[in-house]
Amino acid sequence: MDRKTVSKRIGNIIGDIARVTNALYAMDTTDIQRYPDNYEVLSRDAALRAEKIVCQLRSLIYVTTSIRREEYLISAAEVHGIEINYEQEILRVRLAGLLPKKKPSQSPEFLLDPLYAAMNHYADNYPLPKYRECVVCFMHMYDNRLPQRRVRDYDNIQQKQILDVLAAFIMVDDSGLLCDAYNTTELGAQDQTEILVMEKGRFGSWLEERQKDLKNISDF
């Protein structure tokens, strides 16, 4: 890639960073209690621009340096706080943040690529199951220090593409005939998402154990 094209791309990124900075300053001076709708518009604009910047920078790295895409995405997965483990016949994927909102014009590529790389890296080093019939549990955990109006409807959360990534590694098919989805929302110390995948026959006992644990925590 010639220097002029590189400079143009960098200039575009700098412009987007300036817009994100302006949105953050505006967020910082907006009264969330009095103007929640304004704050939401500003925060969504800042977040979407930040995601665009991430994808632009990744693309620039791939074409202007010797850094391999797979190598970079493994590092990106660590930054995203993506953790994967499989034990007691349950696959657990932890994301250090909430799943993005569902928007037709936006793709969660910034998250999907690192997740795919992390799953691929895990599969290269540890055995993974191949579920024929399974339940996928999406556990949405919201920071309890922030307003509860942040909690979103499940149909407004981007889950399908996340599920597609997982299905490529651990499912025979993610058809509704073979794969059920379960959603739950909890308040905790920070925003995060946990995705658990298990055989359908395992789900009943897991749910019972989970409800007992939550009751014990609330009683304590």
C-alpha atoms as a PDB file:
ATOM      1  CA  MET A   1       0.000   0.000   0.000  1.00  0.00           C
ATOM      2  CA  ASP A   2       1.423   3.389  -0.991  1.00  0.00           C
ATOM      3  CA  ARG A   3       2.174   6.081   1.567  1.00  0.00           C
ATOM      4  CA  LYS A   4      -0.562   8.418   0.321  1.00  0.00           C
ATOM      5  CA  THR A   5      -3.255   5.786   0.862  1.00  0.00           C
ATOM      6  CA  VAL A   6      -1.881   4.937   4.304  1.00  0.00           C
ATOM      7  CA  SER A   7      -1.860   8.623   5.289  1.00  0.00           C
ATOM      8  CA  LYS A   8      -5.450   9.018   4.090  1.00  0.00           C
ATOM      9  CA  ARG A   9      -6.601   6.053   6.174  1.00  0.00           C
ATOM     10  CA  ILE A  10      -4.749   7.339   9.235  1.00  0.00           C
ATOM     11  CA  GLY A  11      -6.340  10.760   8.718  1.00  0.00           C
ATOM     12  CA  ASN A  12      -9.796   9.188   8.659  1.00  0.00           C
ATOM     13  CA  ILE A  13      -9.042   7.358  11.907  1.00  0.00           C
ATOM     14  CA  ILE A  14      -7.770  10.560  13.553  1.00  0.00           C
ATOM     15  CA  GLY A  15     -10.996  12.295  12.525  1.00  0.00           C
ATOM     16  CA  ASP A  16     -13.095   9.525  14.071  1.00  0.00           C
ATOM     17  CA  ILE A  17     -11.034   9.634  17.270  1.00  0.00           C
ATOM     18  CA  ALA A  18     -11.715  13.377  17.533  1.00  0.00           C
ATOM     19  CA  ARG A  19     -15.454  12.713  17.149  1.00  0.00           C
ATOM     20  CA  VAL A  20     -15.330  10.041  19.865  1.00  0.00           C
ATOM     21  CA  THR A  21     -13.466  12.447  22.146  1.00  0.00           C
ATOM     22  CA  ASN A  22     -16.103  15.134  21.584  1.00  0.00           C
ATOM     23  CA  ALA A  23     -18.886  12.650  22.329  1.00  0.00           C
ATOM     24  CA  LEU A  24     -17.156  11.585  25.556  1.00  0.00           C
ATOM     25  CA  TYR A  25     -16.821  15.203  26.696  1.00  0.00           C
ATOM     26  CA  ALA A  26     -20.512  15.693  25.975  1.00  0.00           C
ATOM     27  CA  MET A  27     -21.367  12.519  27.922  1.00  0.00           C
ATOM     28  CA  ASP A  28     -19.330  13.768  30.866  1.00  0.00           C
ATOM     29  CA  THR A  29     -21.304  17.028  31.047  1.00  0.00           C
ATOM     30  CA  THR A  30     -24.768  15.535  30.427  1.00  0.00           C
ATOM     31  CA  ASP A  31     -27.024  15.034  33.438  1.00  0.00           C
ATOM     32  CA  ILE A  32     -27.959  11.348  33.119  1.00  0.00           C
ATOM     33  CA  GLN A  33     -30.918  11.647  35.480  1.00  0.00           C
ATOM     34  CA  ARG A  34     -32.509  14.647  33.728  1.00  0.00           C
ATOM     35  CA  TYR A  35     -31.576  13.837  30.123  1.00  0.00           C
ATOM     36  CA  PRO A  36     -31.268  10.046  29.847  1.00  0.00           C
ATOM     37  CA  ASP A  37     -32.265  10.009  26.151  1.00  0.00           C
ATOM     38  CA  ASN A  38     -29.550  12.518  25.232  1.00  0.00           C
ATOM     39  CA  TYR A  39     -26.992  10.535  27.174  1.00  0.00           C
ATOM     40  CA  GLU A  40     -28.010   7.323  25.414  1.00  0.00           C
ATOM     41  CA  VAL A  41     -27.652   8.908  21.960  1.00  0.00           C
ATOM     42  CA  LEU A  42     -24.204  10.271  22.842  1.00  0.00           C
ATOM     43  CA  SER A  43     -22.981   7.015  24.356  1.00  0.00           C
ATOM     44  CA  ARG A  44     -24.227   4.943  21.416  1.00  0.00           C
ATOM     45  CA  ASP A  45     -22.529   7.307  18.941  1.00  0.00           C
ATOM     46  CA  ALA A  46     -19.250   7.131  20.858  1.00  0.00           C
ATOM     47  CA  ALA A  47     -19.364   3.352  21.141  1.00  0.00           C
ATOM     48  CA  LEU A  48     -20.158   2.765  17.470  1.00  0.00           C
ATOM     49  CA  ARG A  49     -17.417   5.135  16.340  1.00  0.00           C
ATOM     50  CA  ALA A  50     -14.952   3.417  18.671  1.00  0.00           C
ATOM     51  CA  GLU A  51     -15.855   0.034  17.179  1.00  0.00           C
ATOM     52  CA  LYS A  52     -15.337   1.437  13.691  1.00  0.00           C
ATOM     53  CA  ILE A  53     -11.906   2.743  14.724  1.00  0.00           C
ATOM     54  CA  VAL A  54     -10.916  -0.685  16.045  1.00  0.00           C
ATOM     55  CA  CYS A  55     -11.817  -2.376  12.754  1.00  0.00           C
ATOM     56  CA  GLN A  56     -10.040   0.319  10.723  1.00  0.00           C
ATOM     57  CA  LEU A  57      -6.860  -0.038  12.772  1.00  0.00           C
ATOM     58  CA  ARG A  58      -6.913  -3.828  12.484  1.00  0.00           C
ATOM     59  CA  SER A  59      -7.256  -3.597   8.726  1.00  0.00           C
ATOM     60  CA  LEU A  60      -4.380  -1.116   8.567  1.00  0.00           C
ATOM     61  CA  ILE A  61      -2.140  -3.350  10.663  1.00  0.00           C
ATOM     62  CA  TYR A  62      -2.779  -6.363   8.459  1.00  0.00           C
ATOM     63  CA  VAL A  63      -1.785  -4.585   5.240  1.00  0.00           C
ATOM     64  CA  THR A  64       1.102  -2.437   6.481  1.00  0.00           C
ATOM     65  CA  THR A  65       2.961  -4.667   8.952  1.00  0.00           C
ATOM     66  CA  SER A  66       4.230  -8.228   9.218  1.00  0.00           C
ATOM     67  CA  ILE A  67       1.866  -8.976  12.114  1.00  0.00           C
ATOM     68  CA  ARG A  68      -0.256 -11.987  11.258  1.00  0.00           C
ATOM     69  CA  ARG A  69      -4.015 -11.592  11.563  1.00  0.00           C
ATOM     70  CA  GLU A  70      -4.379 -14.673  13.766  1.00  0.00           C
ATOM     71  CA  GLU A  71      -1.565 -13.511  16.049  1.00  0.00           C
ATOM     72  CA  TYR A  72      -3.099 -10.082  16.513  1.00  0.00           C
ATOM     73  CA  LEU A  73      -6.611 -11.412  17.155  1.00  0.00           C
ATOM     74  CA  ILE A  74      -5.396 -13.697  19.948  1.00  0.00           C
ATOM     75  CA  SER A  75      -3.992 -10.588  21.650  1.00  0.00           C
ATOM     76  CA  ALA A  76      -7.264  -8.761  20.961  1.00  0.00           C
ATOM     77  CA  ALA A  77      -9.183 -11.621  22.601  1.00  0.00           C
ATOM     78  CA  GLU A  78      -7.122 -11.135  25.757  1.00  0.00           C
ATOM     79  CA  VAL A  79      -7.875  -7.406  25.742  1.00  0.00           C
ATOM     80  CA  HIS A  80     -11.597  -8.186  25.358  1.00  0.00           C
ATOM     81  CA  GLY A  81     -11.296 -10.426  28.395  1.00  0.00           C
ATOM     82  CA  ILE A  82     -12.437 -13.491  26.452  1.00  0.00           C
ATOM     83  CA  GLU A  83     -11.981 -16.634  28.541  1.00  0.00           C
ATOM     84  CA  ILE A  84     -12.900 -20.150  27.426  1.00  0.00           C
ATOM     85  CA  ASN A  85     -12.922 -23.407  29.318  1.00  0.00           C
ATOM     86  CA  TYR A  86     -14.642 -26.766  29.049  1.00  0.00           C
ATOM     87  CA  GLU A  87     -15.195 -28.889  32.118  1.00  0.00           C
ATOM     88  CA  GLN A  88     -17.936 -31.075  33.578  1.00  0.00           C
ATOM     89  CA  GLU A  89     -19.416 -31.312  30.055  1.00  0.00           C
ATOM     90  CA  ILE A  90     -20.158 -27.572  29.958  1.00  0.00           C
ATOM     91  CA  LEU A  91     -18.434 -25.083  27.667  1.00  0.00           C
ATOM     92  CA  ARG A  92     -18.106 -21.660  29.313  1.00  0.00           C
ATOM     93  CA  VAL A  93     -17.232 -18.498  27.385  1.00  0.00           C
ATOM     94  CA  ARG A  94     -16.734 -15.302  29.352  1.00  0.00           C
ATOM     95  CA  LEU A  95     -16.743 -11.845  27.785  1.00  0.00           C
ATOM     96  CA  ALA A  96     -15.636  -8.827  29.825  1.00  0.00           C
ATOM     97  CA  GLY A  97     -18.575  -6.704  28.712  1.00  0.00           C
ATOM     98  CA  LEU A  98     -22.173  -6.807  27.526  1.00  0.00           C
ATOM     99  CA  LEU A  99     -23.127  -8.090  24.103  1.00  0.00           C
ATOM    100  CA  PRO A 100     -23.674  -5.298  21.571  1.00  0.00           C
ATOM    101  CA  LYS A 101     -27.118  -4.057  20.672  1.00  0.00           C
ATOM    102  CA  LYS A 102     -28.785  -5.504  17.606  1.00  0.00           C
ATOM    103  CA  LYS A 103     -28.542  -2.972  14.758  1.00  0.00           C
ATOM    104  CA  PRO A 104     -29.085  -3.899  11.088  1.00  0.00           C
ATOM    105  CA  SER A 105     -26.455  -1.426   9.895  1.00  0.00           C
ATOM    106  CA  GLN A 106     -23.768  -2.487  12.368  1.00  0.00           C
ATOM    107  CA  SER A 107     -21.799  -5.717  12.583  1.00  0.00           C
ATOM    108  CA  PRO A 108     -20.140  -6.784  15.852  1.00  0.00           C
ATOM    109  CA  GLU A 109     -17.009  -7.649  13.861  1.00  0.00           C
ATOM    110  CA  PHE A 110     -14.807  -6.049  16.522  1.00  0.00           C
ATOM    111  CA  LEU A 111     -15.914  -8.849  18.897  1.00  0.00           C
ATOM    112  CA  LEU A 112     -16.597 -11.736  16.502  1.00  0.00           C
ATOM    113  CA  ASP A 113     -13.071 -11.907  15.074  1.00  0.00           C
ATOM    114  CA  PRO A 114     -11.307 -12.128  18.466  1.00  0.00           C
ATOM    115  CA  LEU A 115     -13.906 -14.643  19.687  1.00  0.00           C
ATOM    116  CA  TYR A 116     -13.340 -16.853  16.643  1.00  0.00           C
ATOM    117  CA  ALA A 117      -9.570 -16.612  17.121  1.00  0.00           C
ATOM    118  CA  ALA A 118      -9.887 -17.489  20.817  1.00  0.00           C
ATOM    119  CA  MET A 119     -12.099 -20.503  20.056  1.00  0.00           C
ATOM    120  CA  ASN A 120      -9.700 -21.666  17.360  1.00  0.00           C
ATOM    121  CA  HIS A 121      -6.728 -21.279  19.713  1.00  0.00           C
ATOM    122  CA  TYR A 122      -8.534 -23.220  22.449  1.00  0.00           C
ATOM    123  CA  ALA A 123      -9.506 -25.990  20.008  1.00  0.00           C
ATOM    124  CA  ASP A 124      -5.854 -26.339  18.978  1.00  0.00           C
ATOM    125  CA  ASN A 125      -4.820 -26.977  22.577  1.00  0.00           C
ATOM    126  CA  TYR A 126      -7.771 -28.623  24.310  1.00  0.00           C
ATOM    127  CA  PRO A 127     -10.532 -31.045  23.320  1.00  0.00           C
ATOM    128  CA  LEU A 128     -13.939 -29.547  22.567  1.00  0.00           C
ATOM    129  CA  PRO A 129     -17.337 -31.286  22.554  1.00  0.00           C
ATOM    130  CA  LYS A 130     -19.542 -31.661  19.506  1.00  0.00           C
ATOM    131  CA  TYR A 131     -23.100 -31.203  20.702  1.00  0.00           C
ATOM    132  CA  ARG A 132     -25.961 -32.627  18.695  1.00  0.00           C
ATOM    133  CA  GLU A 133     -28.731 -31.301  20.967  1.00  0.00           C
ATOM    134  CA  CYS A 134     -27.825 -28.531  23.366  1.00  0.00           C
ATOM    135  CA  VAL A 135     -28.925 -25.497  25.368  1.00  0.00           C
ATOM    136  CA  VAL A 136     -27.064 -22.185  25.114  1.00  0.00           C
ATOM    137  CA  CYS A 137     -27.349 -20.015  28.235  1.00  0.00           C
ATOM    138  CA  PHE A 138     -26.667 -16.290  27.853  1.00  0.00           C
ATOM    139  CA  MET A 139     -26.016 -14.758  31.271  1.00  0.00           C
ATOM    140  CA  HIS A 140     -26.114 -10.953  31.022  1.00  0.00           C
ATOM    141  CA  MET A 141     -24.530  -9.349  34.077  1.00  0.00           C
ATOM    142  CA  TYR A 142     -24.977  -5.605  34.630  1.00  0.00           C
ATOM    143  CA  ASP A 143     -22.919  -3.367  36.906  1.00  0.00           C
ATOM    144  CA  ASN A 144     -25.144  -2.787  39.943  1.00  0.00           C
ATOM    145  CA  ARG A 145     -23.666   0.689  40.483  1.00  0.00           C
ATOM    146  CA  LEU A 146     -25.240   1.970  37.254  1.00  0.00           C
ATOM    147  CA  PRO A 147     -28.929   2.740  36.519  1.00  0.00           C
ATOM    148  CA  GLN A 148     -31.062  -0.359  36.012  1.00  0.00           C
ATOM    149  CA  ARG A 149     -32.751   1.194  32.973  1.00  0.00           C
ATOM    150  CA  ARG A 150     -29.613   0.048  31.103  1.00  0.00           C
ATOM    151  CA  VAL A 151     -31.010  -3.480  31.193  1.00  0.00           C
ATOM    152  CA  ARG A 152     -32.168  -4.353  27.685  1.00  0.00           C
ATOM    153  CA  ASP A 153     -34.797  -6.660  26.231  1.00  0.00           C
ATOM    154  CA  TYR A 154     -33.284  -9.926  25.054  1.00  0.00           C
ATOM    155  CA  ASP A 155     -34.543  -9.406  21.508  1.00  0.00           C
ATOM    156  CA  ASN A 156     -32.483  -6.195  21.337  1.00  0.00           C
ATOM    157  CA  ILE A 157     -29.169  -7.962  21.951  1.00  0.00           C
ATOM    158  CA  GLN A 158     -26.867  -9.316  19.266  1.00  0.00           C
ATOM    159  CA  GLN A 159     -26.715 -13.064  19.930  1.00  0.00           C
ATOM    160  CA  LYS A 160     -27.138 -14.837  16.598  1.00  0.00           C
ATOM    161  CA  GLN A 161     -23.698 -14.042  15.213  1.00  0.00           C
ATOM    162  CA  ILE A 162     -22.052 -14.948  18.523  1.00  0.00           C
ATOM    163  CA  LEU A 163     -23.907 -18.252  18.411  1.00  0.00           C
ATOM    164  CA  ASP A 164     -22.761 -18.827  14.817  1.00  0.00           C
ATOM    165  CA  VAL A 165     -19.123 -18.566  15.908  1.00  0.00           C
ATOM    166  CA  LEU A 166     -19.601 -21.091  18.713  1.00  0.00           C
ATOM    167  CA  ALA A 167     -21.621 -23.424  16.484  1.00  0.00           C
ATOM    168  CA  ALA A 168     -18.758 -23.654  14.007  1.00  0.00           C
ATOM    169  CA  PHE A 169     -16.658 -25.353  16.688  1.00  0.00           C
ATOM    170  CA  ILE A 170     -18.985 -27.274  18.990  1.00  0.00           C
ATOM    171  CA  MET A 171     -22.363 -27.956  17.344  1.00  0.00           C
ATOM    172  CA  VAL A 172     -23.570 -30.357  14.713  1.00  0.00           C
ATOM    173  CA  ASP A 173     -26.202 -27.756  13.794  1.00  0.00           C
ATOM    174  CA  ASP A 174     -27.586 -24.645  15.529  1.00  0.00           C
ATOM    175  CA  SER A 175     -31.089 -25.232  14.165  1.00  0.00           C
ATOM    176  CA  GLY A 176     -33.919 -24.451  16.570  1.00  0.00           C
ATOM    177  CA  LEU A 177     -34.804 -28.145  16.492  1.00  0.00           C
ATOM    178  CA  LEU A 178     -31.460 -29.003  18.093  1.00  0.00           C
ATOM    179  CA  CYS A 179     -30.396 -25.867  19.938  1.00  0.00           C
ATOM    180  CA  ASP A 180     -32.410 -24.079  22.634  1.00  0.00           C
ATOM    181  CA  ALA A 181     -31.510 -20.638  24.028  1.00  0.00           C
ATOM    182  CA  TYR A 182     -31.922 -19.488  27.620  1.00  0.00           C
ATOM    183  CA  ASN A 183     -31.370 -15.901  28.794  1.00  0.00           C
ATOM    184  CA  THR A 184     -30.961 -14.571  32.302  1.00  0.00           C
ATOM    185  CA  THR A 185     -30.096 -11.135  33.689  1.00  0.00           C
ATOM    186  CA  GLU A 186     -28.232 -10.480  36.928  1.00  0.00           C
ATOM    187  CA  LEU A 187     -26.737  -7.502  38.736  1.00  0.00           C
ATOM    188  CA  GLY A 188     -23.110  -7.763  39.779  1.00  0.00           C
ATOM    189  CA  ALA A 189     -19.844  -5.959  40.358  1.00  0.00           C
ATOM    190  CA  GLN A 190     -19.267  -5.201  36.670  1.00  0.00           C
ATOM    191  CA  ASP A 191     -20.684  -5.578  33.172  1.00  0.00           C
ATOM    192  CA  GLN A 192     -19.916  -8.949  31.670  1.00  0.00           C
ATOM    193  CA  THR A 193     -21.464 -11.796  29.700  1.00  0.00           C
ATOM    194  CA  GLU A 194     -21.116 -15.508  30.254  1.00  0.00           C
ATOM    195  CA  ILE A 195     -22.239 -18.025  27.649  1.00  0.00           C
ATOM    196  CA  LEU A 196     -22.668 -21.648  28.713  1.00  0.00           C
ATOM    197  CA  VAL A 197     -23.351 -24.506  26.310  1.00  0.00           C
ATOM    198  CA  MET A 198     -24.431 -27.933  27.533  1.00  0.00           C
ATOM    199  CA  GLU A 199     -26.363 -31.026  26.519  1.00  0.00           C
ATOM    200  CA  LYS A 200     -30.131 -30.605  26.854  1.00  0.00           C
ATOM    201  CA  GLY A 201     -30.218 -33.375  29.456  1.00  0.00           C
ATOM    202  CA  ARG A 202     -27.754 -31.452  31.612  1.00  0.00           C
ATOM    203  CA  PHE A 203     -29.689 -28.183  31.610  1.00  0.00           C
ATOM    204  CA  GLY A 204     -32.353 -29.059  34.221  1.00  0.00           C
ATOM    205  CA  SER A 205     -29.849 -29.978  36.935  1.00  0.00           C
ATOM    206  CA  TRP A 206     -27.625 -26.986  36.064  1.00  0.00           C
ATOM    207  CA  LEU A 207     -30.571 -24.580  36.351  1.00  0.00           C
ATOM    208  CA  GLU A 208     -31.590 -26.050  39.708  1.00  0.00           C
ATOM    209  CA  GLU A 209     -28.030 -25.708  41.020  1.00  0.00           C
ATOM    210  CA  ARG A 210     -27.823 -22.145  39.687  1.00  0.00           C
ATOM    211  CA  GLN A 211     -31.056 -21.084  41.369  1.00  0.00           C
ATOM    212  CA  LYS A 212     -29.877 -22.580  44.688  1.00  0.00           C
ATOM    213  CA  ASP A 213     -26.589 -20.668  44.417  1.00  0.00           C
ATOM    214  CA  LEU A 214     -28.390 -17.381  43.717  1.00  0.00           C
ATOM    215  CA  LYS A 215     -30.749 -17.954  46.656  1.00  0.00           C
ATOM    216  CA  ASN A 216     -27.821 -18.670  48.983  1.00  0.00           C
ATOM    217  CA  ILE A 217     -26.082 -15.476  47.824  1.00  0.00           C
ATOM    218  CA  SER A 218     -29.235 -13.376  48.405  1.00  0.00           C
ATOM    219  CA  ASP A 219     -29.816 -14.978  51.818  1.00  0.00           C
ATOM    220  CA  PHE A 220     -26.244 -14.211  52.832  1.00  0.00           C
END
